[in-house]
Amino acid sequence: MAYDFKPFEKKLAEIVERAGKELAGVRTGRATPAILDSIQVEVYGSRMSINQVASVAVEDARTLRISPFDMSQVKEIEKAITVANLGLSVGSDERGVRVSFPELTSERRAGLIKLAKERIEEARTTVRSERDDIWNDIQKQEKDKKISEDDKFRAKEDMQKRVDAANTKLDDALERKEKEITS
């Protein structure tokens, strides 16, 4: 009987996706709307993400244009971005809010690369933890005579292939982010 890896594959995919979202939030010198995803704006008595109260567009390489659906929310959006302390310049005009990304210093680039590596390492740790849980489950099933010893080692190899694939995806995401930061 083969071991069912579907829940494990789903967890690995979630870990890789979450790591990708965290990396998207690491600011580079280039304007990307993803950096604003984690910012919450106080509107209509509740907290909402910016993309729920406004459209976000890239104006040029280092500028984002935020056009609120309700122009009375401009000050709240501006305040939320300032409070988030992302090192961005914020200004408002008749069309909404303009967010400028200042040029990165080499010191700041090194710090951002270090942060990106930390985020990927956290994801790897989570992958290892999930791998250990699956390995313990495989060993328990073999001990309970639900699978044979041969199946146990086959399952271990299959599990490791899935872990290696997830780690490769994490490495690729980190490599892309490093290129983005240094360019």
Protein backbone atom coordinates (compact mmCIF):
# COMPACT_ATOMS: atom_id res chain seq x y z
CA MET A 1 0.00 0.00 0.00
CA ALA A 2 1.43 3.38 -1.01
CA TYR A 3 1.53 6.32 1.39
CA ASP A 4 -0.86 9.20 0.60
CA PHE A 5 1.20 12.37 0.07
CA LYS A 6 -1.68 14.62 -1.08
CA PRO A 7 -2.03 16.51 2.28
CA PHE A 8 1.77 16.85 2.47
CA GLU A 9 1.96 18.20 -1.10
CA LYS A 10 -0.80 20.69 -0.29
CA LYS A 11 1.08 21.91 2.80
CA LEU A 12 4.31 22.26 0.82
CA ALA A 13 2.50 24.26 -1.87
CA GLU A 14 1.04 26.54 0.84
CA ILE A 15 4.49 27.08 2.38
CA VAL A 16 6.02 27.98 -1.01
CA GLU A 17 3.11 30.30 -1.82
CA ARG A 18 3.32 32.06 1.57
CA ALA A 19 7.09 32.49 1.16
CA GLY A 20 6.49 34.01 -2.27
CA LYS A 21 4.00 36.48 -0.81
CA GLU A 22 6.43 37.39 1.98
CA LEU A 23 9.19 37.98 -0.56
CA ALA A 24 6.84 40.15 -2.62
CA GLY A 25 6.47 42.34 0.46
CA VAL A 26 10.22 42.95 0.64
CA ARG A 27 10.69 46.39 -0.89
CA THR A 28 12.99 46.90 -3.81
CA GLY A 29 13.85 50.05 -5.73
CA ARG A 30 11.17 49.15 -8.25
CA ALA A 31 7.51 50.05 -7.66
CA THR A 32 5.42 46.94 -7.03
CA PRO A 33 1.82 47.02 -5.80
CA ALA A 34 2.45 43.84 -3.76
CA ILE A 35 4.33 45.86 -1.13
CA LEU A 36 1.04 47.50 -0.13
CA ASP A 37 -0.82 44.17 0.34
CA SER A 38 -0.12 43.99 4.07
CA ILE A 39 -1.23 47.57 4.80
CA GLN A 40 -4.64 47.96 6.45
CA VAL A 41 -6.68 51.19 6.13
CA GLU A 42 -9.25 52.34 8.68
CA VAL A 43 -12.40 53.00 6.62
CA TYR A 44 -16.10 52.95 7.45
CA GLY A 45 -15.34 51.76 10.98
CA SER A 46 -13.36 48.67 9.96
CA ARG A 47 -9.89 47.77 8.72
CA MET A 48 -9.52 46.86 5.05
CA SER A 49 -6.57 46.27 2.76
CA ILE A 50 -5.73 49.04 0.31
CA ASN A 51 -6.78 47.04 -2.74
CA GLN A 52 -10.30 46.76 -1.25
CA VAL A 53 -10.75 50.55 -1.04
CA ALA A 54 -8.73 51.70 -4.05
CA SER A 55 -7.14 50.65 -7.30
CA VAL A 56 -3.36 50.48 -7.32
CA ALA A 57 -1.43 51.03 -10.54
CA VAL A 58 2.24 51.39 -11.44
CA GLU A 59 2.76 54.92 -12.75
CA ASP A 60 6.45 54.51 -13.58
CA ALA A 61 9.42 52.42 -12.41
CA ARG A 62 9.51 54.06 -8.97
CA THR A 63 5.96 55.38 -8.47
CA LEU A 64 2.59 53.85 -7.63
CA ARG A 65 -0.73 55.64 -8.10
CA ILE A 66 -3.51 54.76 -5.64
CA SER A 67 -6.96 55.86 -6.81
CA PRO A 68 -9.52 55.49 -3.99
CA PHE A 69 -13.04 54.42 -4.90
CA ASP A 70 -14.21 57.08 -2.42
CA MET A 71 -12.04 60.21 -2.57
CA SER A 72 -12.87 61.01 1.09
CA GLN A 73 -10.53 58.10 2.03
CA VAL A 74 -7.36 59.72 0.63
CA LYS A 75 -6.11 60.94 4.02
CA GLU A 76 -6.73 57.54 5.68
CA ILE A 77 -4.83 55.72 2.91
CA GLU A 78 -1.97 58.21 3.12
CA LYS A 79 -1.85 57.81 6.91
CA ALA A 80 -1.88 53.99 6.73
CA ILE A 81 1.05 53.91 4.29
CA THR A 82 3.04 56.38 6.41
CA VAL A 83 2.36 54.42 9.62
CA ALA A 84 3.47 51.17 7.93
CA ASN A 85 7.00 52.65 7.87
CA LEU A 86 8.10 51.06 4.60
CA GLY A 87 10.46 53.89 3.73
CA LEU A 88 8.18 55.17 0.98
CA SER A 89 7.35 58.79 0.17
CA VAL A 90 3.61 59.49 0.16
CA GLY A 91 1.76 62.48 -1.28
CA SER A 92 -1.84 63.17 -2.28
CA ASP A 93 -3.37 65.15 -5.12
CA GLU A 94 -6.76 65.49 -6.82
CA ARG A 95 -6.44 62.00 -8.40
CA GLY A 96 -5.57 60.13 -5.20
CA VAL A 97 -2.35 59.10 -3.51
CA ARG A 98 1.08 58.89 -5.09
CA VAL A 99 3.66 56.56 -3.51
CA SER A 100 7.31 57.05 -4.51
CA PHE A 101 10.04 54.49 -3.99
CA PRO A 102 13.35 56.19 -3.18
CA GLU A 103 16.60 54.92 -4.72
CA LEU A 104 18.14 52.10 -2.66
CA THR A 105 21.59 52.46 -1.12
CA SER A 106 24.00 49.52 -1.31
CA GLU A 107 23.70 49.14 2.46
CA ARG A 108 19.90 48.96 2.21
CA ARG A 109 20.14 46.45 -0.65
CA ALA A 110 22.34 44.19 1.50
CA GLY A 111 19.82 44.47 4.34
CA LEU A 112 16.94 43.57 2.02
CA ILE A 113 18.80 40.54 0.67
CA LYS A 114 19.48 39.43 4.25
CA LEU A 115 15.77 39.85 5.08
CA ALA A 116 14.76 37.84 2.00
CA LYS A 117 17.16 35.04 3.01
CA GLU A 118 15.69 35.02 6.54
CA ARG A 119 12.16 34.68 5.14
CA ILE A 120 13.22 31.78 2.90
CA GLU A 121 15.03 30.09 5.81
CA GLU A 122 11.84 30.33 7.89
CA ALA A 123 9.98 28.62 5.04
CA ARG A 124 12.64 25.89 4.87
CA THR A 125 12.30 25.32 8.60
CA THR A 126 8.57 24.88 8.16
CA VAL A 127 9.19 22.42 5.30
CA ARG A 128 11.58 20.43 7.51
CA SER A 129 9.01 20.37 10.31
CA GLU A 130 6.34 19.07 7.94
CA ARG A 131 8.79 16.47 6.60
CA ASP A 132 9.51 15.27 10.13
CA ASP A 133 5.78 14.94 10.86
CA ILE A 134 5.26 12.87 7.70
CA TRP A 135 8.29 10.70 8.44
CA ASN A 136 6.98 10.02 11.96
CA ASP A 137 3.60 9.08 10.49
CA ILE A 138 5.25 6.74 7.96
CA GLN A 139 7.25 5.05 10.74
CA LYS A 140 4.11 4.71 12.87
CA GLN A 141 2.22 3.09 9.99
CA GLU A 142 5.06 0.62 9.48
CA LYS A 143 5.15 -0.12 13.21
CA ASP A 144 1.37 -0.69 13.18
CA LYS A 145 1.88 -3.07 10.20
CA LYS A 146 -0.19 -0.86 7.87
CA ILE A 147 2.72 -0.64 5.41
CA SER A 148 5.72 -2.89 4.82
CA GLU A 149 9.33 -1.96 5.52
CA ASP A 150 9.96 -1.69 1.76
CA ASP A 151 6.98 0.67 1.44
CA LYS A 152 8.36 2.73 4.31
CA PHE A 153 11.66 3.34 2.52
CA ARG A 154 9.90 3.92 -0.81
CA ALA A 155 7.68 6.49 0.92
CA LYS A 156 10.76 8.11 2.50
CA GLU A 157 12.33 8.53 -0.96
CA ASP A 158 9.08 9.95 -2.38
CA MET A 159 8.78 12.31 0.57
CA GLN A 160 12.36 13.53 0.10
CA LYS A 161 11.76 14.15 -3.63
CA ARG A 162 8.80 16.37 -2.73
CA VAL A 163 10.84 18.22 -0.08
CA ASP A 164 13.69 18.75 -2.56
CA ALA A 165 11.24 20.12 -5.15
CA ALA A 166 9.80 22.57 -2.59
CA ASN A 167 13.30 23.69 -1.57
CA THR A 168 14.22 24.22 -5.22
CA LYS A 169 11.15 26.46 -5.66
CA LEU A 170 12.19 28.43 -2.56
CA ASP A 171 15.75 28.78 -3.91
CA ASP A 172 14.42 30.01 -7.26
CA ALA A 173 12.17 32.57 -5.56
CA LEU A 174 15.10 33.84 -3.48
CA GLU A 175 17.34 34.05 -6.55
CA ARG A 176 14.71 36.08 -8.46
CA LYS A 177 14.29 38.41 -5.48
CA GLU A 178 18.06 38.93 -5.13
CA LYS A 179 18.28 39.86 -8.83
CA GLU A 180 15.36 42.25 -8.40
CA ILE A 181 16.99 43.90 -5.37
CA THR A 182 20.44 44.24 -6.95
CA SER A 183 19.22 45.49 -10.34
